[in-house]
Amino acid sequence: MVAIRSDWPQRRLADLLTATSISLETYQLGREVLERELSSPSKNEKGVFANRLNVNSHFIGQSAVKQVLAGEITNGWKDIAVALEMKLVSFQIRAAMGFPNFSWSDTNRACLLLSTAIALQSEPVAKWLADLIVSSYRGHGPLKDWNVSPFEGLALRHAFSVHGSSAGPLPRSQVLPQFYDELLAAENLEATQTALDRVTLERVRLVSDSYVDYPPFQFSPFDLFPVELLAELMIRHSGIPKFGFGVLESPLCDPPLPFPHVRDPLVDRVLARVKTLLPIADVAWC
C-alpha cells in the first residue's frame, strides 16, 4: 500500500496550481460548446449538455479551490457555487434521461450532491436526492453500486436520515470498509475530533487513484472540500460546535452559511432548453 504523507493537501494544491491555466482555458472552451449547442442543437444535445456541464464543474472547481486557499475567499466560494450549479443541473438531466449507459459515477454524483446539500443546508436539494437515493436502494435502481467506495455507504446513511426512515443493515465497501467506522461510533466531542484527525489524514486514499481504482473525491472541489464530513457533523451536531479538520484544515472546511449560491445565466439557458425536451425535477440550490 502507498504510504500517506501528512502534507498531501499541500501537494494536491500544488498540482491544482500547475493545472489552473489549462483548466480555465478548457472551462472556457466548454462554455463555448454549450453556447454552440444552444444555437444549433445536435441530435444528442441532452447528452452534450449533461456531459459538458459535469466536466466544466470540475475545471471551475479547481480554480475555485485555488482561490479559496489563496485567500480570495469571496470569489472562490462564488466559483464553487457555479461548480455546484453545473453539477446539479448535469445530474438532473442525467436523471431525467433515465441514466443512459449507467455507471458508478452517477451514484457517486448523487452522493456528492447530497452531502453538499446537507452541509450547506439546502433542504430542497437534500430532500430530492435523499428520496431518489433511498428509493433506488430499496428498489435496486436506477442508482446502484453502493459498495464501490466507503463514501457511498456513508451517503446512504445520510440519505435515510434526511428521508426520515430506518436504513437497516447497509452494504460494506469492497475497499477500506472500516474507513468511517470510528467517526460513526464516536459518542462524544473528543472521540469525534480524534476520528476526524485520522479521517482527514487518510482521506487522500479516496482522492487519489494511487490508492483505489475509483476515488470518490477525485475531482475538485471535493478533493479538498470535505462535504461528507461536514454533512456528518451537520446531521449529528447541527454544525455546532466547530471541529478541527487536521491536515485538511482550511477555509474550505468552514463554508459560509447561509451559502451564497449564484445563478449562472448560461446554465439557466441550458436548463430552460432541456425543460422543453425532458421532465426535469424542479429543484435548485437557490
Protein backbone atom coordinates (compact mmCIF):
# COMPACT_ATOMS: atom_id res chain seq x y z
CA MET A 1 0.00 0.00 0.00
CA VAL A 2 1.25 3.51 -0.82
CA ALA A 3 2.35 5.40 2.31
CA ILE A 4 0.44 8.54 3.33
CA ARG A 5 2.27 11.83 3.74
CA SER A 6 0.72 14.38 6.05
CA ASP A 7 1.41 17.18 3.56
CA TRP A 8 -0.85 15.65 0.90
CA PRO A 9 -3.32 18.60 0.86
CA GLN A 10 -0.45 20.99 0.10
CA ARG A 11 0.84 18.71 -2.64
CA ARG A 12 -2.68 18.41 -4.04
CA LEU A 13 -2.97 22.19 -4.14
CA ALA A 14 0.40 22.46 -5.88
CA ASP A 15 -0.91 20.12 -8.58
CA LEU A 16 -4.01 22.28 -8.97
CA LEU A 17 -1.91 25.44 -9.25
CA THR A 18 0.08 23.84 -12.05
CA ALA A 19 -3.09 22.90 -13.91
CA THR A 20 -5.02 26.13 -13.33
CA SER A 21 -4.30 27.89 -16.63
CA ILE A 22 -5.15 24.77 -18.62
CA SER A 23 -8.28 24.23 -16.50
CA LEU A 24 -9.60 27.74 -17.08
CA GLU A 25 -8.87 27.54 -20.80
CA THR A 26 -10.70 24.20 -21.05
CA TYR A 27 -13.53 25.62 -18.95
CA GLN A 28 -13.99 28.50 -21.36
CA LEU A 29 -13.94 26.12 -24.33
CA GLY A 30 -16.63 24.12 -22.57
CA ARG A 31 -18.83 27.18 -22.24
CA GLU A 32 -18.39 27.78 -25.97
CA VAL A 33 -19.53 24.20 -26.64
CA LEU A 34 -22.68 24.87 -24.61
CA GLU A 35 -23.32 28.12 -26.49
CA ARG A 36 -22.98 26.33 -29.85
CA GLU A 37 -25.29 23.54 -28.73
CA LEU A 38 -27.91 26.07 -27.69
CA SER A 39 -27.62 27.90 -31.01
CA SER A 40 -27.50 24.82 -33.22
CA PRO A 41 -28.70 21.71 -31.34
CA SER A 42 -27.28 18.33 -32.30
CA LYS A 43 -29.13 15.02 -32.18
CA ASN A 44 -27.51 14.29 -28.82
CA GLU A 45 -27.96 17.74 -27.31
CA LYS A 46 -29.23 16.41 -23.95
CA GLY A 47 -26.16 14.23 -23.58
CA VAL A 48 -23.86 17.08 -24.62
CA PHE A 49 -25.40 19.38 -22.03
CA ALA A 50 -25.14 16.79 -19.24
CA ASN A 51 -21.56 15.80 -20.03
CA ARG A 52 -20.18 19.27 -20.66
CA LEU A 53 -21.76 20.76 -17.52
CA ASN A 54 -20.30 17.97 -15.40
CA VAL A 55 -16.82 18.31 -16.91
CA ASN A 56 -16.92 22.09 -16.61
CA SER A 57 -17.85 21.79 -12.94
CA HIS A 58 -14.52 20.03 -12.36
CA PHE A 59 -12.50 22.73 -14.09
CA ILE A 60 -14.15 25.70 -12.38
CA GLY A 61 -13.94 23.71 -9.15
CA GLN A 62 -10.16 23.55 -9.49
CA SER A 63 -9.94 27.30 -9.91
CA ALA A 64 -12.31 27.84 -7.00
CA VAL A 65 -10.28 25.70 -4.60
CA LYS A 66 -7.12 27.56 -5.58
CA GLN A 67 -8.80 30.92 -4.95
CA VAL A 68 -10.23 29.99 -1.54
CA LEU A 69 -6.89 28.62 -0.33
CA ALA A 70 -5.06 31.69 -1.69
CA GLY A 71 -7.25 33.97 0.41
CA GLU A 72 -9.59 35.06 -2.39
CA ILE A 73 -12.47 33.83 -0.28
CA THR A 74 -15.43 35.64 -1.85
CA ASN A 75 -14.51 34.86 -5.46
CA GLY A 76 -13.53 31.33 -4.55
CA TRP A 77 -16.86 30.48 -2.94
CA LYS A 78 -18.65 32.14 -5.86
CA ASP A 79 -16.88 29.80 -8.28
CA ILE A 80 -17.65 26.82 -6.05
CA ALA A 81 -21.29 27.86 -6.27
CA VAL A 82 -21.04 27.87 -10.07
CA ALA A 83 -19.42 24.41 -9.99
CA LEU A 84 -22.21 23.11 -7.77
CA GLU A 85 -24.91 24.54 -10.02
CA MET A 86 -23.33 22.92 -13.08
CA LYS A 87 -23.00 19.56 -11.33
CA LEU A 88 -26.60 19.64 -10.09
CA VAL A 89 -28.10 20.56 -13.48
CA SER A 90 -25.94 17.94 -15.18
CA PHE A 91 -27.25 15.33 -12.74
CA GLN A 92 -30.85 16.50 -13.19
CA ILE A 93 -30.50 16.00 -16.93
CA ARG A 94 -28.99 12.53 -16.47
CA ALA A 95 -31.81 11.61 -14.07
CA ALA A 96 -34.50 12.85 -16.47
CA MET A 97 -32.89 10.80 -19.25
CA GLY A 98 -33.06 7.68 -17.08
CA PHE A 99 -29.27 7.47 -16.62
CA PRO A 100 -28.39 6.06 -20.05
CA ASN A 101 -25.19 3.98 -20.03
CA PHE A 102 -25.35 3.98 -16.23
CA SER A 103 -22.08 3.82 -14.32
CA TRP A 104 -20.99 4.11 -10.69
CA SER A 105 -20.20 7.78 -11.36
CA ASP A 106 -23.96 8.52 -11.44
CA THR A 107 -24.32 7.14 -7.92
CA ASN A 108 -21.18 8.97 -6.84
CA ARG A 109 -22.52 12.29 -8.15
CA ALA A 110 -25.83 11.79 -6.34
CA CYS A 111 -23.95 11.16 -3.10
CA LEU A 112 -21.63 14.15 -3.56
CA LEU A 113 -24.58 16.43 -4.21
CA LEU A 114 -26.49 15.04 -1.22
CA SER A 115 -23.54 15.57 1.12
CA THR A 116 -23.09 19.09 -0.19
CA ALA A 117 -26.78 19.90 0.19
CA ILE A 118 -26.74 18.72 3.81
CA ALA A 119 -23.51 20.58 4.59
CA LEU A 120 -24.81 23.80 3.03
CA GLN A 121 -28.32 23.41 4.47
CA SER A 122 -30.04 23.28 1.10
CA GLU A 123 -33.14 21.39 2.19
CA PRO A 124 -34.95 21.10 -1.19
CA VAL A 125 -31.90 19.60 -2.93
CA ALA A 126 -31.15 17.32 0.02
CA LYS A 127 -34.73 16.01 0.15
CA TRP A 128 -34.92 15.36 -3.60
CA LEU A 129 -31.64 13.48 -3.63
CA ALA A 130 -32.42 11.56 -0.42
CA ASP A 131 -35.74 10.40 -1.90
CA LEU A 132 -34.01 9.30 -5.10
CA ILE A 133 -31.20 7.52 -3.25
CA VAL A 134 -33.48 5.73 -0.79
CA SER A 135 -35.95 4.64 -3.47
CA SER A 136 -33.07 3.46 -5.67
CA TYR A 137 -31.50 1.48 -2.85
CA ARG A 138 -34.77 -0.16 -1.86
CA GLY A 139 -35.85 -0.79 -5.42
CA HIS A 140 -32.46 -1.77 -6.83
CA GLY A 141 -32.23 1.14 -9.23
CA PRO A 142 -31.79 3.32 -11.12
CA LEU A 143 -28.83 4.19 -8.85
CA LYS A 144 -26.78 1.23 -7.64
CA ASP A 145 -23.20 0.09 -6.88
CA TRP A 146 -23.27 1.22 -3.25
CA ASN A 147 -20.14 -0.65 -2.18
CA VAL A 148 -17.54 0.66 -4.65
CA SER A 149 -16.07 3.01 -2.01
CA PRO A 150 -16.83 3.69 1.68
CA PHE A 151 -18.25 7.11 0.81
CA GLU A 152 -21.42 5.80 -0.84
CA GLY A 153 -22.28 3.78 2.27
CA LEU A 154 -21.89 6.90 4.40
CA ALA A 155 -24.05 8.87 1.98
CA LEU A 156 -26.70 6.12 2.17
CA ARG A 157 -26.84 6.65 5.93
CA HIS A 158 -27.26 10.37 5.38
CA ALA A 159 -29.98 9.80 2.78
CA PHE A 160 -32.01 7.67 5.18
CA SER A 161 -31.53 10.31 7.88
CA VAL A 162 -32.88 13.07 5.62
CA HIS A 163 -35.64 10.73 4.39
CA GLY A 164 -36.66 10.05 7.98
CA SER A 165 -36.74 6.26 7.66
CA SER A 166 -34.78 3.34 9.06
CA ALA A 167 -31.84 2.20 6.98
CA GLY A 168 -31.27 -1.25 8.46
CA PRO A 169 -28.00 -3.03 7.67
CA LEU A 170 -26.18 -1.25 4.85
CA PRO A 171 -23.63 -2.72 2.42
CA ARG A 172 -19.95 -2.56 3.32
CA SER A 173 -17.46 -1.17 0.86
CA GLN A 174 -15.28 -3.52 -1.16
CA VAL A 175 -12.30 -1.32 -0.29
CA LEU A 176 -11.47 0.32 3.05
CA PRO A 177 -14.72 -0.99 4.59
CA GLN A 178 -13.92 0.43 8.05
CA PHE A 179 -12.91 3.87 6.82
CA TYR A 180 -15.66 5.87 8.57
CA ASP A 181 -16.40 3.43 11.42
CA GLU A 182 -14.53 5.36 14.12
CA LEU A 183 -16.32 8.59 13.21
CA LEU A 184 -19.73 6.89 13.14
CA ALA A 185 -19.08 5.23 16.50
CA ALA A 186 -17.88 8.43 18.24
CA GLU A 187 -20.06 9.08 21.30
CA ASN A 188 -18.68 12.43 22.42
CA LEU A 189 -16.92 15.50 21.08
CA GLU A 190 -13.43 14.29 21.96
CA ALA A 191 -13.94 10.97 20.17
CA THR A 192 -15.39 12.80 17.18
CA GLN A 193 -12.34 15.07 16.96
CA THR A 194 -9.96 12.10 17.23
CA ALA A 195 -11.82 10.35 14.41
CA LEU A 196 -11.72 13.49 12.26
CA ASP A 197 -7.97 13.82 12.74
CA ARG A 198 -7.49 10.30 11.39
CA VAL A 199 -10.04 10.50 8.57
CA THR A 200 -8.73 13.80 7.22
CA LEU A 201 -5.21 12.38 7.08
CA GLU A 202 -6.31 9.18 5.37
CA ARG A 203 -8.86 10.85 3.09
CA VAL A 204 -6.21 11.04 0.37
CA ARG A 205 -6.99 7.34 -0.15
CA LEU A 206 -10.37 8.46 -1.50
CA VAL A 207 -8.93 11.35 -3.54
CA SER A 208 -6.06 9.82 -5.48
CA ASP A 209 -6.20 6.85 -7.83
CA SER A 210 -2.79 5.89 -6.45
CA TYR A 211 -4.72 4.24 -3.60
CA VAL A 212 -8.03 2.98 -5.00
CA ASP A 213 -9.38 2.36 -8.50
CA TYR A 214 -12.44 4.59 -8.12
CA PRO A 215 -11.68 7.50 -5.77
CA PRO A 216 -14.98 9.24 -4.92
CA PHE A 217 -13.35 12.63 -4.30
CA GLN A 218 -11.01 12.67 -7.29
CA PHE A 219 -12.37 15.88 -8.80
CA SER A 220 -12.38 19.40 -7.42
CA PRO A 221 -13.77 20.94 -5.37
CA PHE A 222 -14.49 17.72 -3.45
CA ASP A 223 -10.81 16.75 -3.14
CA LEU A 224 -10.16 19.47 -0.54
CA PHE A 225 -13.78 20.43 0.30
CA PRO A 226 -14.78 17.58 2.68
CA VAL A 227 -18.53 17.70 2.15
CA GLU A 228 -19.17 14.21 3.54
CA LEU A 229 -17.53 15.11 6.86
CA LEU A 230 -19.36 18.43 7.03
CA ALA A 231 -22.62 16.58 6.31
CA GLU A 232 -21.96 14.05 9.10
CA LEU A 233 -21.25 16.87 11.56
CA MET A 234 -24.32 18.78 10.42
CA ILE A 235 -26.55 15.74 10.99
CA ARG A 236 -25.07 14.71 14.34
CA HIS A 237 -24.14 18.09 15.81
CA SER A 238 -26.14 20.61 13.74
CA GLY A 239 -22.80 22.00 12.60
CA ILE A 240 -22.07 23.13 16.17
CA PRO A 241 -19.56 23.08 17.81
CA LYS A 242 -16.79 23.71 15.33
CA PHE A 243 -14.31 20.86 14.93
CA GLY A 244 -10.75 20.87 13.64
CA PHE A 245 -10.05 19.19 10.32
CA GLY A 246 -6.47 18.12 10.91
CA VAL A 247 -4.29 18.18 7.78
CA LEU A 248 -7.28 19.40 5.74
CA GLU A 249 -7.82 22.50 7.88
CA SER A 250 -8.63 25.47 5.61
CA PRO A 251 -11.50 27.87 4.85
CA LEU A 252 -12.96 25.04 2.72
CA CYS A 253 -13.83 23.29 5.99
CA ASP A 254 -15.92 26.26 7.12
CA PRO A 255 -18.29 27.23 4.29
CA PRO A 256 -20.33 30.40 4.81
CA LEU A 257 -23.92 29.81 5.93
CA PRO A 258 -26.32 30.72 4.53
CA PHE A 259 -24.30 29.76 1.49
CA PRO A 260 -24.00 32.44 -1.25
CA HIS A 261 -25.43 30.42 -4.14
CA VAL A 262 -25.36 32.11 -7.54
CA ARG A 263 -27.16 31.56 -10.81
CA ASP A 264 -25.09 31.23 -13.98
CA PRO A 265 -27.09 32.71 -16.91
CA LEU A 266 -25.63 30.15 -19.34
CA VAL A 267 -26.64 27.25 -17.11
CA ASP A 268 -30.11 28.77 -16.75
CA ARG A 269 -30.41 28.86 -20.54
CA VAL A 270 -29.34 25.22 -20.80
CA LEU A 271 -31.86 24.26 -18.14
CA ALA A 272 -34.64 26.18 -19.89
CA ARG A 273 -33.83 24.41 -23.16
CA VAL A 274 -33.74 20.95 -21.59
CA LYS A 275 -37.07 21.58 -19.85
CA THR A 276 -38.65 21.73 -23.30
CA LEU A 277 -37.27 18.26 -24.01
CA LEU A 278 -37.44 16.36 -20.69
CA PRO A 279 -39.41 16.37 -17.40
CA ILE A 280 -36.65 17.91 -15.29
CA ALA A 281 -37.01 17.80 -11.50
CA ASP A 282 -37.97 21.23 -10.19
CA VAL A 283 -35.19 21.69 -7.66
CA ALA A 284 -32.37 24.21 -7.35
CA TRP A 285 -29.76 25.43 -4.88
CA CYS A 286 -31.44 28.83 -4.74
